[in-house]
Amino acid sequence: MQVSQKIALSMAIWTGLILVFVGGQSFELFFILLLIGLLISRELSSIYIRSSTADRLDGFIQVGIIVFIAIVARRILSILNLL
């Protein structure tokens, strides 16, 4: 099994665990935990993967960071009663 397949399998397992434990309770918590999983898998596999695979993971991480910024901005606006 290739390293990229192992990363995909580990992310699928991580996503399944998040769905089991978080469920439908918090959409925001699901995405934050998914981003944490992506960051951990990228960091732990950085010396074993090719640059093309790393670039693909970086793209997913960048999208995740944008979603994280949107979640934080929405939370700040709701605390300030502007939303």
PDB file of N, CA and C in Angstrom:
ATOM      1  N   MET A   1       0.846  -1.170   0.000  1.00  0.00           N
ATOM      2  CA  MET A   1       0.000   0.000   0.000  1.00  0.00           C
ATOM      3  C   MET A   1       0.895   1.238   0.000  1.00  0.00           C
ATOM      4  N   GLN A   2       0.573   2.190  -0.869  1.00  0.00           N
ATOM      5  CA  GLN A   2       1.361   3.411  -0.976  1.00  0.00           C
ATOM      6  C   GLN A   2       1.062   4.347   0.193  1.00  0.00           C
ATOM      7  N   VAL A   3       1.967   5.272   0.402  1.00  0.00           N
ATOM      8  CA  VAL A   3       1.822   6.205   1.518  1.00  0.00           C
ATOM      9  C   VAL A   3       0.574   7.068   1.326  1.00  0.00           C
ATOM     10  N   SER A   4       0.303   7.496   0.104  1.00  0.00           N
ATOM     11  CA  SER A   4      -0.874   8.331  -0.136  1.00  0.00           C
ATOM     12  C   SER A   4      -2.163   7.560   0.155  1.00  0.00           C
ATOM     13  N   GLN A   5      -2.164   6.266  -0.118  1.00  0.00           N
ATOM     14  CA  GLN A   5      -3.336   5.453   0.207  1.00  0.00           C
ATOM     15  C   GLN A   5      -3.492   5.301   1.720  1.00  0.00           C
ATOM     16  N   LYS A   6      -2.375   5.178   2.420  1.00  0.00           N
ATOM     17  CA  LYS A   6      -2.438   5.093   3.879  1.00  0.00           C
ATOM     18  C   LYS A   6      -2.957   6.393   4.486  1.00  0.00           C
ATOM     19  N   ILE A   7      -2.551   7.514   3.906  1.00  0.00           N
ATOM     20  CA  ILE A   7      -3.045   8.807   4.389  1.00  0.00           C
ATOM     21  C   ILE A   7      -4.544   8.907   4.158  1.00  0.00           C
ATOM     22  N   ALA A   8      -5.002   8.509   2.973  1.00  0.00           N
ATOM     23  CA  ALA A   8      -6.430   8.560   2.670  1.00  0.00           C
ATOM     24  C   ALA A   8      -7.217   7.645   3.603  1.00  0.00           C
ATOM     25  N   LEU A   9      -6.687   6.463   3.870  1.00  0.00           N
ATOM     26  CA  LEU A   9      -7.356   5.533   4.774  1.00  0.00           C
ATOM     27  C   LEU A   9      -7.403   6.080   6.198  1.00  0.00           C
ATOM     28  N   SER A  10      -6.306   6.656   6.649  1.00  0.00           N
ATOM     29  CA  SER A  10      -6.291   7.210   8.004  1.00  0.00           C
ATOM     30  C   SER A  10      -7.246   8.393   8.125  1.00  0.00           C
ATOM     31  N   MET A  11      -7.357   9.219   7.085  1.00  0.00           N
ATOM     32  CA  MET A  11      -8.292  10.333   7.124  1.00  0.00           C
ATOM     33  C   MET A  11      -9.732   9.845   7.098  1.00  0.00           C
ATOM     34  N   ALA A  12      -9.998   8.761   6.372  1.00  0.00           N
ATOM     35  CA  ALA A  12     -11.348   8.189   6.353  1.00  0.00           C
ATOM     36  C   ALA A  12     -11.711   7.649   7.734  1.00  0.00           C
ATOM     37  N   ILE A  13     -10.766   6.988   8.386  1.00  0.00           N
ATOM     38  CA  ILE A  13     -11.005   6.480   9.735  1.00  0.00           C
ATOM     39  C   ILE A  13     -11.203   7.638  10.704  1.00  0.00           C
ATOM     40  N   TRP A  14     -10.377   8.675  10.587  1.00  0.00           N
ATOM     41  CA  TRP A  14     -10.495   9.843  11.454  1.00  0.00           C
ATOM     42  C   TRP A  14     -11.855  10.521  11.264  1.00  0.00           C
ATOM     43  N   THR A  15     -12.291  10.656  10.023  1.00  0.00           N
ATOM     44  CA  THR A  15     -13.590  11.260   9.749  1.00  0.00           C
ATOM     45  C   THR A  15     -14.714  10.421  10.343  1.00  0.00           C
ATOM     46  N   GLY A  16     -14.605   9.102  10.229  1.00  0.00           N
ATOM     47  CA  GLY A  16     -15.597   8.220  10.825  1.00  0.00           C
ATOM     48  C   GLY A  16     -15.651   8.355  12.335  1.00  0.00           C
ATOM     49  N   LEU A  17     -14.492   8.438  12.974  1.00  0.00           N
ATOM     50  CA  LEU A  17     -14.456   8.625  14.427  1.00  0.00           C
ATOM     51  C   LEU A  17     -15.070   9.959  14.839  1.00  0.00           C
ATOM     52  N   ILE A  18     -14.794  10.988  14.066  1.00  0.00           N
ATOM     53  CA  ILE A  18     -15.380  12.296  14.371  1.00  0.00           C
ATOM     54  C   ILE A  18     -16.895  12.218  14.260  1.00  0.00           C
ATOM     55  N   LEU A  19     -17.384  11.565  13.213  1.00  0.00           N
ATOM     56  CA  LEU A  19     -18.834  11.441  13.039  1.00  0.00           C
ATOM     57  C   LEU A  19     -19.468  10.645  14.162  1.00  0.00           C
ATOM     58  N   VAL A  20     -18.774   9.619  14.648  1.00  0.00           N
ATOM     59  CA  VAL A  20     -19.318   8.813  15.738  1.00  0.00           C
ATOM     60  C   VAL A  20     -19.382   9.613  17.030  1.00  0.00           C
ATOM     61  N   PHE A  21     -18.305  10.322  17.356  1.00  0.00           N
ATOM     62  CA  PHE A  21     -18.249  11.011  18.638  1.00  0.00           C
ATOM     63  C   PHE A  21     -18.947  12.365  18.629  1.00  0.00           C
ATOM     64  N   VAL A  22     -18.838  13.105  17.535  1.00  0.00           N
ATOM     65  CA  VAL A  22     -19.469  14.423  17.480  1.00  0.00           C
ATOM     66  C   VAL A  22     -20.893  14.295  16.940  1.00  0.00           C
ATOM     67  N   GLY A  23     -21.065  13.447  15.932  1.00  0.00           N
ATOM     68  CA  GLY A  23     -22.383  13.254  15.349  1.00  0.00           C
ATOM     69  C   GLY A  23     -22.886  14.520  14.690  1.00  0.00           C
ATOM     70  N   GLY A  24     -24.148  14.787  14.879  1.00  0.00           N
ATOM     71  CA  GLY A  24     -24.741  15.983  14.300  1.00  0.00           C
ATOM     72  C   GLY A  24     -24.811  17.132  15.273  1.00  0.00           C
ATOM     73  N   GLN A  25     -24.073  17.058  16.365  1.00  0.00           N
ATOM     74  CA  GLN A  25     -24.160  18.079  17.405  1.00  0.00           C
ATOM     75  C   GLN A  25     -23.591  19.422  16.962  1.00  0.00           C
ATOM     76  N   SER A  26     -22.405  19.399  16.375  1.00  0.00           N
ATOM     77  CA  SER A  26     -21.753  20.658  16.041  1.00  0.00           C
ATOM     78  C   SER A  26     -21.053  20.538  14.692  1.00  0.00           C
ATOM     79  N   PHE A  27     -21.561  21.270  13.743  1.00  0.00           N
ATOM     80  CA  PHE A  27     -20.978  21.322  12.411  1.00  0.00           C
ATOM     81  C   PHE A  27     -19.585  21.957  12.465  1.00  0.00           C
ATOM     82  N   GLU A  28     -19.450  22.988  13.304  1.00  0.00           N
ATOM     83  CA  GLU A  28     -18.176  23.693  13.436  1.00  0.00           C
ATOM     84  C   GLU A  28     -17.107  22.794  14.042  1.00  0.00           C
ATOM     85  N   LEU A  29     -17.464  22.052  15.078  1.00  0.00           N
ATOM     86  CA  LEU A  29     -16.512  21.158  15.727  1.00  0.00           C
ATOM     87  C   LEU A  29     -16.039  20.068  14.773  1.00  0.00           C
ATOM     88  N   PHE A  30     -16.940  19.577  13.931  1.00  0.00           N
ATOM     89  CA  PHE A  30     -16.581  18.567  12.940  1.00  0.00           C
ATOM     90  C   PHE A  30     -15.497  19.089  12.008  1.00  0.00           C
ATOM     91  N   PHE A  31     -15.671  20.292  11.463  1.00  0.00           N
ATOM     92  CA  PHE A  31     -14.681  20.829  10.538  1.00  0.00           C
ATOM     93  C   PHE A  31     -13.361  21.158  11.223  1.00  0.00           C
ATOM     94  N   ILE A  32     -13.405  21.628  12.453  1.00  0.00           N
ATOM     95  CA  ILE A  32     -12.167  21.943  13.165  1.00  0.00           C
ATOM     96  C   ILE A  32     -11.378  20.664  13.454  1.00  0.00           C
ATOM     97  N   LEU A  33     -12.066  19.611  13.893  1.00  0.00           N
ATOM     98  CA  LEU A  33     -11.376  18.344  14.146  1.00  0.00           C
ATOM     99  C   LEU A  33     -10.855  17.719  12.858  1.00  0.00           C
ATOM    100  N   LEU A  34     -11.588  17.893  11.770  1.00  0.00           N
ATOM    101  CA  LEU A  34     -11.115  17.402  10.477  1.00  0.00           C
ATOM    102  C   LEU A  34      -9.849  18.145  10.042  1.00  0.00           C
ATOM    103  N   LEU A  35      -9.818  19.456  10.262  1.00  0.00           N
ATOM    104  CA  LEU A  35      -8.622  20.235   9.939  1.00  0.00           C
ATOM    105  C   LEU A  35      -7.442  19.807  10.802  1.00  0.00           C
ATOM    106  N   ILE A  36      -7.675  19.543  12.070  1.00  0.00           N
ATOM    107  CA  ILE A  36      -6.603  19.074  12.945  1.00  0.00           C
ATOM    108  C   ILE A  36      -6.052  17.748  12.438  1.00  0.00           C
ATOM    109  N   GLY A  37      -6.921  16.850  12.021  1.00  0.00           N
ATOM    110  CA  GLY A  37      -6.477  15.575  11.455  1.00  0.00           C
ATOM    111  C   GLY A  37      -5.648  15.750  10.200  1.00  0.00           C
ATOM    112  N   LEU A  38      -6.072  16.675   9.332  1.00  0.00           N
ATOM    113  CA  LEU A  38      -5.299  16.956   8.121  1.00  0.00           C
ATOM    114  C   LEU A  38      -3.913  17.496   8.456  1.00  0.00           C
ATOM    115  N   LEU A  39      -3.867  18.420   9.401  1.00  0.00           N
ATOM    116  CA  LEU A  39      -2.582  19.002   9.778  1.00  0.00           C
ATOM    117  C   LEU A  39      -1.645  17.964  10.391  1.00  0.00           C
ATOM    118  N   ILE A  40      -2.187  17.106  11.227  1.00  0.00           N
ATOM    119  CA  ILE A  40      -1.357  16.071  11.846  1.00  0.00           C
ATOM    120  C   ILE A  40      -0.862  15.077  10.810  1.00  0.00           C
ATOM    121  N   SER A  41      -1.749  14.638   9.914  1.00  0.00           N
ATOM    122  CA  SER A  41      -1.318  13.667   8.901  1.00  0.00           C
ATOM    123  C   SER A  41      -0.296  14.276   7.947  1.00  0.00           C
ATOM    124  N   ARG A  42      -0.437  15.555   7.627  1.00  0.00           N
ATOM    125  CA  ARG A  42       0.537  16.222   6.749  1.00  0.00           C
ATOM    126  C   ARG A  42       1.892  16.314   7.430  1.00  0.00           C
ATOM    127  N   GLU A  43       1.880  16.668   8.693  1.00  0.00           N
ATOM    128  CA  GLU A  43       3.148  16.828   9.411  1.00  0.00           C
ATOM    129  C   GLU A  43       3.849  15.495   9.629  1.00  0.00           C
ATOM    130  N   LEU A  44       3.100  14.477   9.984  1.00  0.00           N
ATOM    131  CA  LEU A  44       3.716  13.177  10.250  1.00  0.00           C
ATOM    132  C   LEU A  44       4.196  12.470   8.981  1.00  0.00           C
ATOM    133  N   SER A  45       3.569  12.768   7.858  1.00  0.00           N
ATOM    134  CA  SER A  45       3.928  12.082   6.622  1.00  0.00           C
ATOM    135  C   SER A  45       4.804  12.924   5.696  1.00  0.00           C
ATOM    136  N   SER A  46       5.248  14.075   6.151  1.00  0.00           N
ATOM    137  CA  SER A  46       5.953  15.004   5.261  1.00  0.00           C
ATOM    138  C   SER A  46       7.249  14.435   4.687  1.00  0.00           C
ATOM    139  N   ILE A  47       7.924  13.560   5.406  1.00  0.00           N
ATOM    140  CA  ILE A  47       9.185  13.034   4.879  1.00  0.00           C
ATOM    141  C   ILE A  47       8.980  11.805   4.004  1.00  0.00           C
ATOM    142  N   TYR A  48       7.769  11.252   4.001  1.00  0.00           N
ATOM    143  CA  TYR A  48       7.516  10.024   3.255  1.00  0.00           C
ATOM    144  C   TYR A  48       6.753  10.222   1.948  1.00  0.00           C
ATOM    145  N   ILE A  49       6.156  11.380   1.753  1.00  0.00           N
ATOM    146  CA  ILE A  49       5.306  11.573   0.580  1.00  0.00           C
ATOM    147  C   ILE A  49       6.019  12.385  -0.491  1.00  0.00           C
ATOM    148  N   ARG A  50       5.526  12.210  -1.729  1.00  0.00           N
ATOM    149  CA  ARG A  50       6.073  12.977  -2.851  1.00  0.00           C
ATOM    150  C   ARG A  50       5.569  14.410  -2.778  1.00  0.00           C
ATOM    151  N   SER A  51       6.223  15.274  -3.531  1.00  0.00           N
ATOM    152  CA  SER A  51       5.830  16.684  -3.507  1.00  0.00           C
ATOM    153  C   SER A  51       4.439  16.892  -4.108  1.00  0.00           C
ATOM    154  N   SER A  52       4.042  16.077  -5.081  1.00  0.00           N
ATOM    155  CA  SER A  52       2.708  16.227  -5.659  1.00  0.00           C
ATOM    156  C   SER A  52       1.626  15.877  -4.638  1.00  0.00           C
ATOM    157  N   THR A  53       1.870  14.838  -3.852  1.00  0.00           N
ATOM    158  CA  THR A  53       0.921  14.470  -2.811  1.00  0.00           C
ATOM    159  C   THR A  53       0.898  15.538  -1.721  1.00  0.00           C
ATOM    160  N   ALA A  54       2.051  16.072  -1.392  1.00  0.00           N
ATOM    161  CA  ALA A  54       2.126  17.137  -0.388  1.00  0.00           C
ATOM    162  C   ALA A  54       1.376  18.378  -0.873  1.00  0.00           C
ATOM    163  N   ASP A  55       1.485  18.686  -2.151  1.00  0.00           N
ATOM    164  CA  ASP A  55       0.772  19.841  -2.700  1.00  0.00           C
ATOM    165  C   ASP A  55      -0.735  19.641  -2.630  1.00  0.00           C
ATOM    166  N   ARG A  56      -1.197  18.417  -2.893  1.00  0.00           N
ATOM    167  CA  ARG A  56      -2.635  18.132  -2.786  1.00  0.00           C
ATOM    168  C   ARG A  56      -3.115  18.278  -1.343  1.00  0.00           C
ATOM    169  N   LEU A  57      -2.338  17.743  -0.406  1.00  0.00           N
ATOM    170  CA  LEU A  57      -2.698  17.891   1.007  1.00  0.00           C
ATOM    171  C   LEU A  57      -2.692  19.359   1.424  1.00  0.00           C
ATOM    172  N   ASP A  58      -1.720  20.113   0.924  1.00  0.00           N
ATOM    173  CA  ASP A  58      -1.652  21.538   1.246  1.00  0.00           C
ATOM    174  C   ASP A  58      -2.879  22.281   0.730  1.00  0.00           C
ATOM    175  N   GLY A  59      -3.385  21.878  -0.426  1.00  0.00           N
ATOM    176  CA  GLY A  59      -4.600  22.491  -0.961  1.00  0.00           C
ATOM    177  C   GLY A  59      -5.796  22.253  -0.057  1.00  0.00           C
ATOM    178  N   PHE A  60      -5.941  21.014   0.436  1.00  0.00           N
ATOM    179  CA  PHE A  60      -7.025  20.713   1.370  1.00  0.00           C
ATOM    180  C   PHE A  60      -6.850  21.489   2.675  1.00  0.00           C
ATOM    181  N   ILE A  61      -5.610  21.612   3.122  1.00  0.00           N
ATOM    182  CA  ILE A  61      -5.342  22.352   4.359  1.00  0.00           C
ATOM    183  C   ILE A  61      -5.677  23.829   4.176  1.00  0.00           C
ATOM    184  N   GLN A  62      -5.357  24.395   3.026  1.00  0.00           N
ATOM    185  CA  GLN A  62      -5.668  25.803   2.775  1.00  0.00           C
ATOM    186  C   GLN A  62      -7.166  26.054   2.766  1.00  0.00           C
ATOM    187  N   VAL A  63      -7.915  25.146   2.162  1.00  0.00           N
ATOM    188  CA  VAL A  63      -9.379  25.266   2.196  1.00  0.00           C
ATOM    189  C   VAL A  63      -9.881  25.136   3.633  1.00  0.00           C
ATOM    190  N   GLY A  64      -9.303  24.220   4.390  1.00  0.00           N
ATOM    191  CA  GLY A  64      -9.686  24.051   5.782  1.00  0.00           C
ATOM    192  C   GLY A  64      -9.401  25.278   6.621  1.00  0.00           C
ATOM    193  N   ILE A  65      -8.299  25.938   6.355  1.00  0.00           N
ATOM    194  CA  ILE A  65      -7.964  27.154   7.096  1.00  0.00           C
ATOM    195  C   ILE A  65      -8.950  28.269   6.764  1.00  0.00           C
ATOM    196  N   ILE A  66      -9.360  28.353   5.507  1.00  0.00           N
ATOM    197  CA  ILE A  66     -10.357  29.357   5.115  1.00  0.00           C
ATOM    198  C   ILE A  66     -11.680  29.090   5.837  1.00  0.00           C
ATOM    199  N   VAL A  67     -12.085  27.824   5.898  1.00  0.00           N
ATOM    200  CA  VAL A  67     -13.304  27.468   6.630  1.00  0.00           C
ATOM    201  C   VAL A  67     -13.139  27.787   8.115  1.00  0.00           C
ATOM    202  N   PHE A  68     -11.969  27.514   8.672  1.00  0.00           N
ATOM    203  CA  PHE A  68     -11.704  27.814  10.080  1.00  0.00           C
ATOM    204  C   PHE A  68     -11.813  29.312  10.342  1.00  0.00           C
ATOM    205  N   ILE A  69     -11.263  30.130   9.457  1.00  0.00           N
ATOM    206  CA  ILE A  69     -11.353  31.588   9.613  1.00  0.00           C
ATOM    207  C   ILE A  69     -12.811  32.031   9.572  1.00  0.00           C
ATOM    208  N   ALA A  70     -13.588  31.438   8.674  1.00  0.00           N
ATOM    209  CA  ALA A  70     -15.006  31.786   8.594  1.00  0.00           C
ATOM    210  C   ALA A  70     -15.739  31.387   9.874  1.00  0.00           C
ATOM    211  N   ILE A  71     -15.406  30.230  10.434  1.00  0.00           N
ATOM    212  CA  ILE A  71     -16.035  29.785  11.680  1.00  0.00           C
ATOM    213  C   ILE A  71     -15.688  30.729  12.825  1.00  0.00           C
ATOM    214  N   VAL A  72     -14.423  31.110  12.920  1.00  0.00           N
ATOM    215  CA  VAL A  72     -13.996  32.021  13.990  1.00  0.00           C
ATOM    216  C   VAL A  72     -14.644  33.392  13.823  1.00  0.00           C
ATOM    217  N   ALA A  73     -14.704  33.893  12.592  1.00  0.00           N
ATOM    218  CA  ALA A  73     -15.322  35.198  12.351  1.00  0.00           C
ATOM    219  C   ALA A  73     -16.806  35.166  12.706  1.00  0.00           C
ATOM    220  N   ARG A  74     -17.474  34.080  12.333  1.00  0.00           N
ATOM    221  CA  ARG A  74     -18.899  33.946  12.666  1.00  0.00           C
ATOM    222  C   ARG A  74     -19.098  33.884  14.177  1.00  0.00           C
ATOM    223  N   ARG A  75     -18.224  33.158  14.864  1.00  0.00           N
ATOM    224  CA  ARG A  75     -18.326  33.053  16.316  1.00  0.00           C
ATOM    225  C   ARG A  75     -18.079  34.402  16.979  1.00  0.00           C
ATOM    226  N   ILE A  76     -17.118  35.171  16.493  1.00  0.00           N
ATOM    227  CA  ILE A  76     -16.834  36.492  17.057  1.00  0.00           C
ATOM    228  C   ILE A  76     -18.016  37.419  16.840  1.00  0.00           C
ATOM    229  N   LEU A  77     -18.588  37.378  15.646  1.00  0.00           N
ATOM    230  CA  LEU A  77     -19.755  38.222  15.372  1.00  0.00           C
ATOM    231  C   LEU A  77     -20.951  37.863  16.243  1.00  0.00           C
ATOM    232  N   SER A  78     -21.116  36.578  16.520  1.00  0.00           N
ATOM    233  CA  SER A  78     -22.225  36.177  17.377  1.00  0.00           C
ATOM    234  C   SER A  78     -21.977  36.584  18.831  1.00  0.00           C
ATOM    235  N   ILE A  79     -20.733  36.587  19.268  1.00  0.00           N
ATOM    236  CA  ILE A  79     -20.412  37.050  20.622  1.00  0.00           C
ATOM    237  C   ILE A  79     -20.652  38.540  20.753  1.00  0.00           C
ATOM    238  N   LEU A  80     -20.332  39.288  19.714  1.00  0.00           N
ATOM    239  CA  LEU A  80     -20.528  40.734  19.732  1.00  0.00           C
ATOM    240  C   LEU A  80     -21.968  41.140  19.402  1.00  0.00           C
ATOM    241  N   ASN A  81     -22.827  40.147  19.200  1.00  0.00           N
ATOM    242  CA  ASN A  81     -24.237  40.372  18.851  1.00  0.00           C
ATOM    243  C   ASN A  81     -24.408  41.178  17.563  1.00  0.00           C
ATOM    244  N   LEU A  82     -23.520  40.952  16.613  1.00  0.00           N
ATOM    245  CA  LEU A  82     -23.622  41.615  15.315  1.00  0.00           C
ATOM    246  C   LEU A  82     -24.215  40.698  14.256  1.00  0.00           C
ATOM    247  N   LEU A  83     -24.411  39.453  14.601  1.00  0.00           N
ATOM    248  CA  LEU A  83     -24.930  38.488  13.623  1.00  0.00           C
ATOM    249  C   LEU A  83     -26.316  38.036  14.016  1.00  0.00           C
TER     250      LEU A  83
END
